[in-house]
Amino acid sequence: MFNPILDEMIARERFKDYLREAEQSRLTTSMMARQPAYRFDLPTSLGNLLIAVRHLFKAMARAD
């Protein structure tokens, strides 16, 4: 039994499913691209620690 209306409805639903999958894939890809890879940068971390210690000692020196 050949029903052109039913075939058209099925084709439209398949196309809608295809568009939904493509949109979800695009959103997932863009979300994953935005997440930075966590890297530990030792020189930067040590530099920030030294700056914090310097500010701490300056504050302690002013408190006296």
N, C-alpha and C. Protein backbone atom coordinates (compact mmCIF):
# COMPACT_ATOMS: atom_id res chain seq x y z
N MET A 1 0.85 -1.17 0.00
CA MET A 1 0.00 0.00 0.00
C MET A 1 0.90 1.23 0.00
N PHE A 2 0.68 2.10 -0.95
CA PHE A 2 1.48 3.30 -1.13
C PHE A 2 0.64 4.51 -0.74
N ASN A 3 1.08 5.24 0.27
CA ASN A 3 0.36 6.41 0.73
C ASN A 3 1.31 7.62 0.67
N PRO A 4 1.14 8.48 -0.34
CA PRO A 4 2.06 9.60 -0.50
C PRO A 4 2.00 10.60 0.65
N ILE A 5 0.86 10.77 1.25
CA ILE A 5 0.73 11.71 2.37
C ILE A 5 1.50 11.19 3.58
N LEU A 6 1.34 9.91 3.86
CA LEU A 6 2.06 9.30 4.97
C LEU A 6 3.58 9.33 4.72
N ASP A 7 3.98 9.05 3.48
CA ASP A 7 5.40 9.11 3.15
C ASP A 7 5.96 10.53 3.34
N GLU A 8 5.19 11.53 2.97
CA GLU A 8 5.62 12.92 3.14
C GLU A 8 5.74 13.27 4.63
N MET A 9 4.79 12.82 5.43
CA MET A 9 4.84 13.09 6.87
C MET A 9 6.06 12.43 7.51
N ILE A 10 6.34 11.20 7.11
CA ILE A 10 7.50 10.49 7.64
C ILE A 10 8.79 11.19 7.23
N ALA A 11 8.86 11.63 5.99
CA ALA A 11 10.05 12.34 5.50
C ALA A 11 10.26 13.64 6.27
N ARG A 12 9.18 14.37 6.53
CA ARG A 12 9.30 15.62 7.29
C ARG A 12 9.77 15.38 8.72
N GLU A 13 9.24 14.33 9.36
CA GLU A 13 9.66 14.01 10.72
C GLU A 13 11.13 13.59 10.76
N ARG A 14 11.55 12.82 9.77
CA ARG A 14 12.96 12.44 9.71
C ARG A 14 13.85 13.65 9.52
N PHE A 15 13.41 14.58 8.69
CA PHE A 15 14.18 15.80 8.46
C PHE A 15 14.25 16.64 9.73
N LYS A 16 13.14 16.74 10.46
CA LYS A 16 13.14 17.47 11.74
C LYS A 16 14.09 16.81 12.73
N ASP A 17 14.08 15.47 12.78
CA ASP A 17 15.00 14.75 13.67
C ASP A 17 16.45 15.04 13.28
N TYR A 18 16.71 15.05 11.99
CA TYR A 18 18.05 15.33 11.51
C TYR A 18 18.48 16.74 11.93
N LEU A 19 17.59 17.72 11.81
CA LEU A 19 17.92 19.09 12.21
C LEU A 19 18.16 19.18 13.72
N ARG A 20 17.34 18.49 14.51
CA ARG A 20 17.54 18.49 15.97
C ARG A 20 18.90 17.89 16.34
N GLU A 21 19.25 16.79 15.71
CA GLU A 21 20.53 16.15 16.00
C GLU A 21 21.69 17.05 15.61
N ALA A 22 21.57 17.71 14.46
CA ALA A 22 22.63 18.61 14.01
C ALA A 22 22.78 19.79 14.96
N GLU A 23 21.67 20.34 15.44
CA GLU A 23 21.72 21.47 16.37
C GLU A 23 22.33 21.04 17.71
N GLN A 24 21.95 19.87 18.20
CA GLN A 24 22.52 19.38 19.46
C GLN A 24 24.01 19.12 19.31
N SER A 25 24.41 18.59 18.19
CA SER A 25 25.82 18.35 17.94
C SER A 25 26.60 19.67 17.89
N ARG A 26 26.02 20.68 17.24
CA ARG A 26 26.67 21.98 17.14
C ARG A 26 26.80 22.61 18.52
N LEU A 27 25.73 22.53 19.33
CA LEU A 27 25.78 23.10 20.67
C LEU A 27 26.79 22.38 21.55
N THR A 28 26.83 21.07 21.44
CA THR A 28 27.78 20.30 22.24
C THR A 28 29.21 20.65 21.85
N THR A 29 29.46 20.75 20.56
CA THR A 29 30.80 21.09 20.09
C THR A 29 31.21 22.48 20.55
N SER A 30 30.31 23.44 20.47
CA SER A 30 30.66 24.80 20.89
C SER A 30 30.85 24.87 22.39
N MET A 31 30.09 24.11 23.16
CA MET A 31 30.25 24.11 24.61
C MET A 31 31.59 23.50 25.00
N MET A 32 31.97 22.42 24.35
CA MET A 32 33.23 21.78 24.67
C MET A 32 34.41 22.64 24.24
N ALA A 33 34.25 23.41 23.19
CA ALA A 33 35.33 24.27 22.73
C ALA A 33 35.54 25.42 23.69
N ARG A 34 34.52 25.86 24.39
CA ARG A 34 34.64 26.98 25.31
C ARG A 34 35.34 26.61 26.61
N GLN A 35 35.33 25.34 26.95
CA GLN A 35 35.94 24.92 28.20
C GLN A 35 37.45 24.88 28.04
N PRO A 36 38.14 25.71 28.79
CA PRO A 36 39.60 25.70 28.65
C PRO A 36 40.19 24.46 29.30
N ALA A 37 41.23 23.98 28.70
CA ALA A 37 41.93 22.84 29.30
C ALA A 37 42.70 23.37 30.51
N TYR A 38 42.55 22.69 31.64
CA TYR A 38 43.21 23.15 32.85
C TYR A 38 44.69 22.82 32.77
N ARG A 39 45.50 23.86 32.85
CA ARG A 39 46.94 23.68 32.84
C ARG A 39 47.52 24.36 34.06
N PHE A 40 48.43 23.68 34.69
CA PHE A 40 49.09 24.24 35.85
C PHE A 40 50.37 24.90 35.37
N ASP A 41 50.47 26.20 35.55
CA ASP A 41 51.64 26.95 35.14
C ASP A 41 52.44 27.31 36.39
N LEU A 42 53.50 26.58 36.64
CA LEU A 42 54.27 26.75 37.87
C LEU A 42 54.88 28.14 38.01
N PRO A 43 55.52 28.69 36.98
CA PRO A 43 56.09 30.03 37.15
C PRO A 43 55.05 31.10 37.48
N THR A 44 53.91 31.02 36.85
CA THR A 44 52.86 32.00 37.14
C THR A 44 52.33 31.82 38.55
N SER A 45 52.11 30.59 38.96
CA SER A 45 51.61 30.33 40.31
C SER A 45 52.60 30.79 41.37
N LEU A 46 53.88 30.52 41.15
CA LEU A 46 54.89 30.97 42.11
C LEU A 46 54.98 32.49 42.14
N GLY A 47 54.88 33.11 40.98
CA GLY A 47 54.90 34.57 40.92
C GLY A 47 53.73 35.17 41.69
N ASN A 48 52.55 34.60 41.51
CA ASN A 48 51.38 35.09 42.25
C ASN A 48 51.53 34.89 43.75
N LEU A 49 52.12 33.76 44.14
CA LEU A 49 52.35 33.50 45.56
C LEU A 49 53.34 34.51 46.15
N LEU A 50 54.39 34.80 45.41
CA LEU A 50 55.38 35.77 45.89
C LEU A 50 54.77 37.17 46.01
N ILE A 51 53.93 37.54 45.09
CA ILE A 51 53.26 38.84 45.17
C ILE A 51 52.37 38.90 46.40
N ALA A 52 51.64 37.80 46.66
CA ALA A 52 50.76 37.76 47.83
C ALA A 52 51.57 37.86 49.12
N VAL A 53 52.71 37.17 49.19
CA VAL A 53 53.55 37.22 50.39
C VAL A 53 54.12 38.63 50.57
N ARG A 54 54.53 39.24 49.49
CA ARG A 54 55.05 40.61 49.56
C ARG A 54 54.01 41.57 50.11
N HIS A 55 52.77 41.47 49.61
CA HIS A 55 51.69 42.33 50.11
C HIS A 55 51.40 42.06 51.58
N LEU A 56 51.49 40.79 51.97
CA LEU A 56 51.28 40.44 53.37
C LEU A 56 52.32 41.09 54.26
N PHE A 57 53.59 40.99 53.86
CA PHE A 57 54.65 41.61 54.68
C PHE A 57 54.54 43.13 54.69
N LYS A 58 54.13 43.73 53.57
CA LYS A 58 53.93 45.18 53.56
C LYS A 58 52.83 45.59 54.54
N ALA A 59 51.76 44.81 54.56
CA ALA A 59 50.65 45.12 55.47
C ALA A 59 51.10 44.95 56.91
N MET A 60 51.90 43.91 57.18
CA MET A 60 52.38 43.70 58.55
C MET A 60 53.34 44.80 58.97
N ALA A 61 54.15 45.29 58.04
CA ALA A 61 55.09 46.36 58.37
C ALA A 61 54.36 47.67 58.67
N ARG A 62 53.26 47.92 57.98
CA ARG A 62 52.48 49.13 58.23
C ARG A 62 51.71 49.05 59.54
N ALA A 63 51.39 47.85 59.97
CA ALA A 63 50.60 47.67 61.20
C ALA A 63 51.40 48.04 62.45
N ASP A 64 52.70 47.93 62.37
CA ASP A 64 53.54 48.24 63.56
C ASP A 64 53.52 49.67 63.83
